[in-house]
């Protein structure tokens, strides 16, 4: 006898990534509250239309995360990632 496994339409893994589908959904809790994220397409709410672009996590509605419209920005590489002190020291 062989055990039969239940049929799954998709398998959900860490951070809502779907193994079977191409869509990658992330919930708000995955991001830091002040993190800058990318809204991939328009998000319509009763009070506002959010255009694609960069937003702070707290500025976007929950539905944008639930619908998979938000993605993390890639990390900044190289010297641009370093914070430089632009102030001139007093003499």
PDB file of N, CA and C in Angstrom:
ATOM      1  N   UNK A   1       0.829  -1.193   0.000  1.00  0.00           N
ATOM      2  CA  UNK A   1       0.000   0.000   0.000  1.00  0.00           C
ATOM      3  C   UNK A   1       0.869   1.250   0.000  1.00  0.00           C
ATOM      4  N   UNK A   2       0.461   2.210  -0.749  1.00  0.00           N
ATOM      5  CA  UNK A   2       1.189   3.480  -0.755  1.00  0.00           C
ATOM      6  C   UNK A   2       0.291   4.566  -0.183  1.00  0.00           C
ATOM      7  N   UNK A   3       0.882   5.408   0.629  1.00  0.00           N
ATOM      8  CA  UNK A   3       0.130   6.522   1.218  1.00  0.00           C
ATOM      9  C   UNK A   3      -0.042   7.610   0.172  1.00  0.00           C
ATOM     10  N   UNK A   4      -1.227   8.151   0.102  1.00  0.00           N
ATOM     11  CA  UNK A   4      -1.480   9.225  -0.859  1.00  0.00           C
ATOM     12  C   UNK A   4      -1.437  10.560  -0.141  1.00  0.00           C
ATOM     13  N   UNK A   5      -0.749  11.483  -0.753  1.00  0.00           N
ATOM     14  CA  UNK A   5      -0.663  12.826  -0.212  1.00  0.00           C
ATOM     15  C   UNK A   5      -1.816  13.658  -0.745  1.00  0.00           C
ATOM     16  N   UNK A   6      -2.308  14.613   0.033  1.00  0.00           N
ATOM     17  CA  UNK A   6      -3.378  15.491  -0.472  1.00  0.00           C
ATOM     18  C   UNK A   6      -2.864  16.335  -1.632  1.00  0.00           C
ATOM     19  N   UNK A   7      -3.726  16.597  -2.578  1.00  0.00           N
ATOM     20  CA  UNK A   7      -3.344  17.433  -3.708  1.00  0.00           C
ATOM     21  C   UNK A   7      -3.399  18.899  -3.277  1.00  0.00           C
ATOM     22  N   UNK A   8      -2.360  19.610  -3.638  1.00  0.00           N
ATOM     23  CA  UNK A   8      -2.277  21.026  -3.290  1.00  0.00           C
ATOM     24  C   UNK A   8      -2.227  21.850  -4.558  1.00  0.00           C
ATOM     25  N   UNK A   9      -2.986  22.933  -4.599  1.00  0.00           N
ATOM     26  CA  UNK A   9      -2.945  23.800  -5.773  1.00  0.00           C
ATOM     27  C   UNK A   9      -1.698  24.675  -5.745  1.00  0.00           C
ATOM     28  N   UNK A  10      -1.229  25.014  -4.570  1.00  0.00           N
ATOM     29  CA  UNK A  10       0.031  25.737  -4.426  1.00  0.00           C
ATOM     30  C   UNK A  10       0.539  25.495  -3.020  1.00  0.00           C
ATOM     31  N   UNK A  11       1.819  25.583  -2.859  1.00  0.00           N
ATOM     32  CA  UNK A  11       2.433  25.379  -1.551  1.00  0.00           C
ATOM     33  C   UNK A  11       2.996  26.715  -1.099  1.00  0.00           C
ATOM     34  N   UNK A  12       2.548  27.182   0.050  1.00  0.00           N
ATOM     35  CA  UNK A  12       3.017  28.454   0.582  1.00  0.00           C
ATOM     36  C   UNK A  12       4.243  28.212   1.446  1.00  0.00           C
ATOM     37  N   UNK A  13       5.279  29.015   1.261  1.00  0.00           N
ATOM     38  CA  UNK A  13       6.479  28.914   2.076  1.00  0.00           C
ATOM     39  C   UNK A  13       6.756  30.265   2.713  1.00  0.00           C
ATOM     40  N   UNK A  14       7.895  30.433   3.339  1.00  0.00           N
ATOM     41  CA  UNK A  14       8.233  31.637   4.091  1.00  0.00           C
ATOM     42  C   UNK A  14       7.945  32.914   3.310  1.00  0.00           C
ATOM     43  N   UNK A  15       7.376  33.895   3.975  1.00  0.00           N
ATOM     44  CA  UNK A  15       7.057  35.222   3.439  1.00  0.00           C
ATOM     45  C   UNK A  15       6.036  35.157   2.311  1.00  0.00           C
ATOM     46  N   UNK A  16       5.216  34.124   2.234  1.00  0.00           N
ATOM     47  CA  UNK A  16       4.129  34.091   1.274  1.00  0.00           C
ATOM     48  C   UNK A  16       4.526  33.802  -0.141  1.00  0.00           C
ATOM     49  N   UNK A  17       5.735  33.371  -0.395  1.00  0.00           N
ATOM     50  CA  UNK A  17       6.136  33.064  -1.764  1.00  0.00           C
ATOM     51  C   UNK A  17       5.443  31.775  -2.190  1.00  0.00           C
ATOM     52  N   UNK A  18       4.885  31.761  -3.356  1.00  0.00           N
ATOM     53  CA  UNK A  18       4.179  30.599  -3.860  1.00  0.00           C
ATOM     54  C   UNK A  18       5.111  29.788  -4.747  1.00  0.00           C
ATOM     55  N   UNK A  19       5.186  28.484  -4.479  1.00  0.00           N
ATOM     56  CA  UNK A  19       6.046  27.609  -5.259  1.00  0.00           C
ATOM     57  C   UNK A  19       5.447  27.370  -6.636  1.00  0.00           C
ATOM     58  N   UNK A  20       4.148  27.214  -6.713  1.00  0.00           N
ATOM     59  CA  UNK A  20       3.495  26.874  -7.963  1.00  0.00           C
ATOM     60  C   UNK A  20       3.234  28.099  -8.840  1.00  0.00           C
ATOM     61  N   UNK A  21       3.002  29.238  -8.243  1.00  0.00           N
ATOM     62  CA  UNK A  21       2.655  30.428  -9.013  1.00  0.00           C
ATOM     63  C   UNK A  21       3.821  31.386  -9.145  1.00  0.00           C
ATOM     64  N   UNK A  22       3.610  32.399  -9.942  1.00  0.00           N
ATOM     65  CA  UNK A  22       4.647  33.406 -10.138  1.00  0.00           C
ATOM     66  C   UNK A  22       4.493  34.566  -9.178  1.00  0.00           C
ATOM     67  N   UNK A  23       3.351  34.662  -8.533  1.00  0.00           N
ATOM     68  CA  UNK A  23       3.054  35.792  -7.671  1.00  0.00           C
ATOM     69  C   UNK A  23       3.763  35.655  -6.333  1.00  0.00           C
ATOM     70  N   UNK A  24       4.234  36.754  -5.815  1.00  0.00           N
ATOM     71  CA  UNK A  24       4.928  36.771  -4.534  1.00  0.00           C
ATOM     72  C   UNK A  24       4.222  37.755  -3.616  1.00  0.00           C
ATOM     73  N   UNK A  25       3.466  37.256  -2.661  1.00  0.00           N
ATOM     74  CA  UNK A  25       2.723  38.118  -1.749  1.00  0.00           C
ATOM     75  C   UNK A  25       3.477  38.237  -0.438  1.00  0.00           C
ATOM     76  N   UNK A  26       3.544  39.437   0.080  1.00  0.00           N
ATOM     77  CA  UNK A  26       4.191  39.683   1.357  1.00  0.00           C
ATOM     78  C   UNK A  26       3.227  40.463   2.234  1.00  0.00           C
ATOM     79  N   UNK A  27       3.184  40.115   3.507  1.00  0.00           N
ATOM     80  CA  UNK A  27       2.317  40.868   4.398  1.00  0.00           C
ATOM     81  C   UNK A  27       3.115  41.978   5.065  1.00  0.00           C
ATOM     82  N   UNK A  28       2.409  42.939   5.594  1.00  0.00           N
ATOM     83  CA  UNK A  28       3.028  44.141   6.171  1.00  0.00           C
ATOM     84  C   UNK A  28       4.056  43.799   7.246  1.00  0.00           C
ATOM     85  N   UNK A  29       3.827  42.751   8.025  1.00  0.00           N
ATOM     86  CA  UNK A  29       4.712  42.384   9.124  1.00  0.00           C
ATOM     87  C   UNK A  29       6.098  41.946   8.686  1.00  0.00           C
ATOM     88  N   UNK A  30       6.296  41.639   7.419  1.00  0.00           N
ATOM     89  CA  UNK A  30       7.597  41.226   6.900  1.00  0.00           C
ATOM     90  C   UNK A  30       8.548  42.427   6.856  1.00  0.00           C
ATOM     91  N   UNK A  31       8.006  43.616   6.724  1.00  0.00           N
ATOM     92  CA  UNK A  31       8.804  44.825   6.552  1.00  0.00           C
ATOM     93  C   UNK A  31       8.938  45.591   7.854  1.00  0.00           C
ATOM     94  N   UNK A  32      10.029  46.321   7.999  1.00  0.00           N
ATOM     95  CA  UNK A  32      10.200  47.232   9.135  1.00  0.00           C
ATOM     96  C   UNK A  32       9.246  48.415   8.931  1.00  0.00           C
ATOM     97  N   UNK A  33       8.702  48.999  10.005  1.00  0.00           N
ATOM     98  CA  UNK A  33       7.737  50.093   9.864  1.00  0.00           C
ATOM     99  C   UNK A  33       8.219  51.275   9.025  1.00  0.00           C
ATOM    100  N   UNK A  34       9.492  51.606   9.079  1.00  0.00           N
ATOM    101  CA  UNK A  34      10.004  52.747   8.332  1.00  0.00           C
ATOM    102  C   UNK A  34      10.699  52.371   7.035  1.00  0.00           C
ATOM    103  N   UNK A  35      10.608  51.105   6.659  1.00  0.00           N
ATOM    104  CA  UNK A  35      11.305  50.625   5.450  1.00  0.00           C
ATOM    105  C   UNK A  35      10.678  51.201   4.180  1.00  0.00           C
ATOM    106  N   UNK A  36      11.503  51.492   3.198  1.00  0.00           N
ATOM    107  CA  UNK A  36      11.024  51.972   1.904  1.00  0.00           C
ATOM    108  C   UNK A  36      10.836  50.754   1.000  1.00  0.00           C
ATOM    109  N   UNK A  37       9.637  50.665   0.400  1.00  0.00           N
ATOM    110  CA  UNK A  37       9.299  49.542  -0.471  1.00  0.00           C
ATOM    111  C   UNK A  37       8.833  50.059  -1.827  1.00  0.00           C
ATOM    112  N   UNK A  38       8.705  49.162  -2.781  1.00  0.00           N
ATOM    113  CA  UNK A  38       8.260  49.502  -4.136  1.00  0.00           C
ATOM    114  C   UNK A  38       6.825  49.027  -4.330  1.00  0.00           C
ATOM    115  N   UNK A  39       5.932  49.946  -4.703  1.00  0.00           N
ATOM    116  CA  UNK A  39       4.573  49.578  -5.110  1.00  0.00           C
ATOM    117  C   UNK A  39       4.639  49.314  -6.601  1.00  0.00           C
ATOM    118  N   UNK A  40       4.330  48.073  -7.024  1.00  0.00           N
ATOM    119  CA  UNK A  40       4.549  47.647  -8.404  1.00  0.00           C
ATOM    120  C   UNK A  40       3.501  48.169  -9.383  1.00  0.00           C
ATOM    121  N   UNK A  41       2.273  48.404  -8.913  1.00  0.00           N
ATOM    122  CA  UNK A  41       1.224  48.891  -9.800  1.00  0.00           C
ATOM    123  C   UNK A  41       0.226  49.713  -9.011  1.00  0.00           C
ATOM    124  N   UNK A  42      -0.720  50.321  -9.692  1.00  0.00           N
ATOM    125  CA  UNK A  42      -1.712  51.176  -9.033  1.00  0.00           C
ATOM    126  C   UNK A  42      -2.470  50.393  -7.970  1.00  0.00           C
ATOM    127  N   UNK A  43      -2.780  51.070  -6.862  1.00  0.00           N
ATOM    128  CA  UNK A  43      -3.585  50.498  -5.788  1.00  0.00           C
ATOM    129  C   UNK A  43      -4.720  51.489  -5.510  1.00  0.00           C
ATOM    130  N   UNK A  44      -5.940  51.049  -5.757  1.00  0.00           N
ATOM    131  CA  UNK A  44      -7.114  51.906  -5.592  1.00  0.00           C
ATOM    132  C   UNK A  44      -7.780  51.618  -4.255  1.00  0.00           C
ATOM    133  N   UNK A  45      -8.002  52.670  -3.467  1.00  0.00           N
ATOM    134  CA  UNK A  45      -8.751  52.564  -2.216  1.00  0.00           C
ATOM    135  C   UNK A  45      -9.887  53.577  -2.292  1.00  0.00           C
ATOM    136  N   UNK A  46     -10.875  53.476  -1.422  1.00  0.00           N
ATOM    137  CA  UNK A  46     -11.976  54.443  -1.467  1.00  0.00           C
ATOM    138  C   UNK A  46     -11.517  55.889  -1.271  1.00  0.00           C
ATOM    139  N   UNK A  47     -10.420  56.088  -0.530  1.00  0.00           N
ATOM    140  CA  UNK A  47      -9.978  57.445  -0.244  1.00  0.00           C
ATOM    141  C   UNK A  47      -8.827  57.959  -1.080  1.00  0.00           C
ATOM    142  N   UNK A  48      -8.156  57.069  -1.805  1.00  0.00           N
ATOM    143  CA  UNK A  48      -6.947  57.514  -2.506  1.00  0.00           C
ATOM    144  C   UNK A  48      -6.519  56.502  -3.569  1.00  0.00           C
ATOM    145  N   UNK A  49      -5.829  57.012  -4.575  1.00  0.00           N
ATOM    146  CA  UNK A  49      -5.211  56.160  -5.580  1.00  0.00           C
ATOM    147  C   UNK A  49      -3.699  56.255  -5.359  1.00  0.00           C
ATOM    148  N   UNK A  50      -3.063  55.110  -5.119  1.00  0.00           N
ATOM    149  CA  UNK A  50      -1.620  55.061  -4.924  1.00  0.00           C
ATOM    150  C   UNK A  50      -0.982  54.685  -6.253  1.00  0.00           C
ATOM    151  N   UNK A  51      -0.108  55.542  -6.751  1.00  0.00           N
ATOM    152  CA  UNK A  51       0.582  55.289  -8.015  1.00  0.00           C
ATOM    153  C   UNK A  51       1.813  54.424  -7.759  1.00  0.00           C
ATOM    154  N   UNK A  52       2.263  53.671  -8.760  1.00  0.00           N
ATOM    155  CA  UNK A  52       3.476  52.875  -8.586  1.00  0.00           C
ATOM    156  C   UNK A  52       4.651  53.771  -8.198  1.00  0.00           C
ATOM    157  N   UNK A  53       5.501  53.266  -7.327  1.00  0.00           N
ATOM    158  CA  UNK A  53       6.660  54.032  -6.885  1.00  0.00           C
ATOM    159  C   UNK A  53       7.136  53.573  -5.531  1.00  0.00           C
ATOM    160  N   UNK A  54       7.984  54.374  -4.922  1.00  0.00           N
ATOM    161  CA  UNK A  54       8.570  54.048  -3.627  1.00  0.00           C
ATOM    162  C   UNK A  54       7.748  54.696  -2.515  1.00  0.00           C
ATOM    163  N   UNK A  55       7.477  53.914  -1.476  1.00  0.00           N
ATOM    164  CA  UNK A  55       6.702  54.380  -0.327  1.00  0.00           C
ATOM    165  C   UNK A  55       7.305  53.827   0.951  1.00  0.00           C
ATOM    166  N   UNK A  56       7.063  54.526   2.053  1.00  0.00           N
ATOM    167  CA  UNK A  56       7.376  53.986   3.375  1.00  0.00           C
ATOM    168  C   UNK A  56       6.242  53.016   3.705  1.00  0.00           C
ATOM    169  N   UNK A  57       6.583  51.893   4.327  1.00  0.00           N
ATOM    170  CA  UNK A  57       5.605  50.835   4.613  1.00  0.00           C
ATOM    171  C   UNK A  57       4.335  51.380   5.252  1.00  0.00           C
ATOM    172  N   UNK A  58       4.473  52.276   6.214  1.00  0.00           N
ATOM    173  CA  UNK A  58       3.313  52.815   6.926  1.00  0.00           C
ATOM    174  C   UNK A  58       2.383  53.673   6.074  1.00  0.00           C
ATOM    175  N   UNK A  59       2.831  54.123   4.908  1.00  0.00           N
ATOM    176  CA  UNK A  59       2.003  54.962   4.039  1.00  0.00           C
ATOM    177  C   UNK A  59       1.025  54.155   3.197  1.00  0.00           C
ATOM    178  N   UNK A  60       1.308  52.872   2.997  1.00  0.00           N
ATOM    179  CA  UNK A  60       0.479  52.052   2.112  1.00  0.00           C
ATOM    180  C   UNK A  60      -0.623  51.329   2.872  1.00  0.00           C
ATOM    181  N   UNK A  61      -1.779  51.118   2.221  1.00  0.00           N
ATOM    182  CA  UNK A  61      -2.874  50.396   2.876  1.00  0.00           C
ATOM    183  C   UNK A  61      -2.582  48.894   2.924  1.00  0.00           C
ATOM    184  N   UNK A  62      -3.219  48.205   3.865  1.00  0.00           N
ATOM    185  CA  UNK A  62      -3.048  46.751   4.012  1.00  0.00           C
ATOM    186  C   UNK A  62      -3.357  46.006   2.723  1.00  0.00           C
ATOM    187  N   UNK A  63      -4.353  46.479   1.983  1.00  0.00           N
ATOM    188  CA  UNK A  63      -4.771  45.775   0.766  1.00  0.00           C
ATOM    189  C   UNK A  63      -3.638  45.690  -0.258  1.00  0.00           C
ATOM    190  N   UNK A  64      -2.739  46.660  -0.282  1.00  0.00           N
ATOM    191  CA  UNK A  64      -1.602  46.631  -1.211  1.00  0.00           C
ATOM    192  C   UNK A  64      -0.702  45.432  -0.907  1.00  0.00           C
ATOM    193  N   UNK A  65      -0.530  45.128   0.373  1.00  0.00           N
ATOM    194  CA  UNK A  65       0.286  43.986   0.780  1.00  0.00           C
ATOM    195  C   UNK A  65      -0.465  42.680   0.523  1.00  0.00           C
ATOM    196  N   UNK A  66      -1.757  42.669   0.863  1.00  0.00           N
ATOM    197  CA  UNK A  66      -2.574  41.461   0.691  1.00  0.00           C
ATOM    198  C   UNK A  66      -2.694  41.051  -0.774  1.00  0.00           C
ATOM    199  N   UNK A  67      -2.698  42.020  -1.679  1.00  0.00           N
ATOM    200  CA  UNK A  67      -2.829  41.726  -3.106  1.00  0.00           C
ATOM    201  C   UNK A  67      -1.484  41.455  -3.780  1.00  0.00           C
ATOM    202  N   UNK A  68      -0.396  41.541  -3.026  1.00  0.00           N
ATOM    203  CA  UNK A  68       0.920  41.262  -3.587  1.00  0.00           C
ATOM    204  C   UNK A  68       1.457  42.371  -4.467  1.00  0.00           C
ATOM    205  N   UNK A  69       1.057  43.615  -4.194  1.00  0.00           N
ATOM    206  CA  UNK A  69       1.492  44.749  -5.014  1.00  0.00           C
ATOM    207  C   UNK A  69       2.783  45.389  -4.514  1.00  0.00           C
ATOM    208  N   UNK A  70       3.302  44.901  -3.388  1.00  0.00           N
ATOM    209  CA  UNK A  70       4.463  45.521  -2.746  1.00  0.00           C
ATOM    210  C   UNK A  70       5.649  44.560  -2.771  1.00  0.00           C
ATOM    211  N   UNK A  71       6.825  45.097  -3.057  1.00  0.00           N
ATOM    212  CA  UNK A  71       8.033  44.273  -2.987  1.00  0.00           C
ATOM    213  C   UNK A  71       9.158  45.048  -2.332  1.00  0.00           C
ATOM    214  N   UNK A  72      10.117  44.310  -1.775  1.00  0.00           N
ATOM    215  CA  UNK A  72      11.263  44.939  -1.147  1.00  0.00           C
ATOM    216  C   UNK A  72      12.187  45.500  -2.210  1.00  0.00           C
ATOM    217  N   UNK A  73      12.839  46.593  -1.873  1.00  0.00           N
ATOM    218  CA  UNK A  73      13.842  47.153  -2.766  1.00  0.00           C
ATOM    219  C   UNK A  73      15.137  46.376  -2.574  1.00  0.00           C
ATOM    220  N   UNK A  74      15.917  46.221  -3.627  1.00  0.00           N
ATOM    221  CA  UNK A  74      17.196  45.528  -3.465  1.00  0.00           C
ATOM    222  C   UNK A  74      18.121  46.337  -2.568  1.00  0.00           C
ATOM    223  N   UNK A  75      19.027  45.669  -1.851  1.00  0.00           N
ATOM    224  CA  UNK A  75      19.941  46.412  -0.988  1.00  0.00           C
ATOM    225  C   UNK A  75      20.868  47.301  -1.806  1.00  0.00           C
ATOM    226  N   UNK A  76      21.238  48.425  -1.215  1.00  0.00           N
ATOM    227  CA  UNK A  76      22.151  49.350  -1.869  1.00  0.00           C
ATOM    228  C   UNK A  76      23.558  48.784  -1.729  1.00  0.00           C
ATOM    229  N   UNK A  77      24.290  48.784  -2.823  1.00  0.00           N
ATOM    230  CA  UNK A  77      25.637  48.208  -2.807  1.00  0.00           C
ATOM    231  C   UNK A  77      26.696  49.292  -2.994  1.00  0.00           C
ATOM    232  N   UNK A  78      27.900  48.966  -2.593  1.00  0.00           N
ATOM    233  CA  UNK A  78      29.035  49.849  -2.847  1.00  0.00           C
ATOM    234  C   UNK A  78      29.104  51.035  -1.925  1.00  0.00           C
ATOM    235  N   UNK A  79      29.816  52.054  -2.385  1.00  0.00           N
ATOM    236  CA  UNK A  79      30.060  53.243  -1.566  1.00  0.00           C
ATOM    237  C   UNK A  79      28.794  54.042  -1.306  1.00  0.00           C
ATOM    238  N   UNK A  80      27.797  53.913  -2.166  1.00  0.00           N
ATOM    239  CA  UNK A  80      26.560  54.673  -1.962  1.00  0.00           C
ATOM    240  C   UNK A  80      25.811  54.193  -0.733  1.00  0.00           C
ATOM    241  N   UNK A  81      26.139  52.996  -0.236  1.00  0.00           N
ATOM    242  CA  UNK A  81      25.480  52.471   0.959  1.00  0.00           C
ATOM    243  C   UNK A  81      26.048  53.084   2.235  1.00  0.00           C
ATOM    244  N   UNK A  82      27.216  53.660   2.145  1.00  0.00           N
ATOM    245  CA  UNK A  82      27.845  54.250   3.315  1.00  0.00           C
ATOM    246  C   UNK A  82      27.267  55.640   3.584  1.00  0.00           C
ATOM    247  N   UNK A  83      27.051  55.930   4.854  1.00  0.00           N
ATOM    248  CA  UNK A  83      26.561  57.254   5.229  1.00  0.00           C
ATOM    249  C   UNK A  83      27.772  58.120   5.518  1.00  0.00           C
ATOM    250  N   UNK A  84      27.848  59.214   4.818  1.00  0.00           N
ATOM    251  CA  UNK A  84      28.997  60.103   4.980  1.00  0.00           C
ATOM    252  C   UNK A  84      28.578  61.350   5.737  1.00  0.00           C
ATOM    253  N   UNK A  85      29.478  61.857   6.557  1.00  0.00           N
ATOM    254  CA  UNK A  85      29.249  63.087   7.282  1.00  0.00           C
ATOM    255  C   UNK A  85      29.597  64.236   6.351  1.00  0.00           C
ATOM    256  N   UNK A  86      28.581  65.005   5.925  1.00  0.00           N
ATOM    257  CA  UNK A  86      28.807  66.092   4.980  1.00  0.00           C
ATOM    258  C   UNK A  86      29.066  67.426   5.667  1.00  0.00           C
ATOM    259  N   UNK A  87      28.890  67.445   6.988  1.00  0.00           N
ATOM    260  CA  UNK A  87      29.126  68.698   7.712  1.00  0.00           C
ATOM    261  C   UNK A  87      30.624  68.949   7.831  1.00  0.00           C
ATOM    262  N   UNK A  88      31.007  70.223   7.753  1.00  0.00           N
ATOM    263  CA  UNK A  88      32.397  70.610   7.930  1.00  0.00           C
ATOM    264  C   UNK A  88      32.655  70.782   9.418  1.00  0.00           C
ATOM    265  N   UNK A  89      33.698  70.154   9.944  1.00  0.00           N
ATOM    266  CA  UNK A  89      33.969  70.320  11.381  1.00  0.00           C
ATOM    267  C   UNK A  89      34.328  71.762  11.703  1.00  0.00           C
ATOM    268  N   UNK A  90      33.880  72.266  12.878  1.00  0.00           N
ATOM    269  CA  UNK A  90      34.208  73.654  13.255  1.00  0.00           C
ATOM    270  C   UNK A  90      35.711  73.799  13.498  1.00  0.00           C
ATOM    271  N   UNK A  91      36.231  74.959  13.148  1.00  0.00           N
ATOM    272  CA  UNK A  91      37.677  75.213  13.313  1.00  0.00           C
ATOM    273  C   UNK A  91      37.958  76.018  14.540  1.00  0.00           C
TER     274      UNK A  91
END
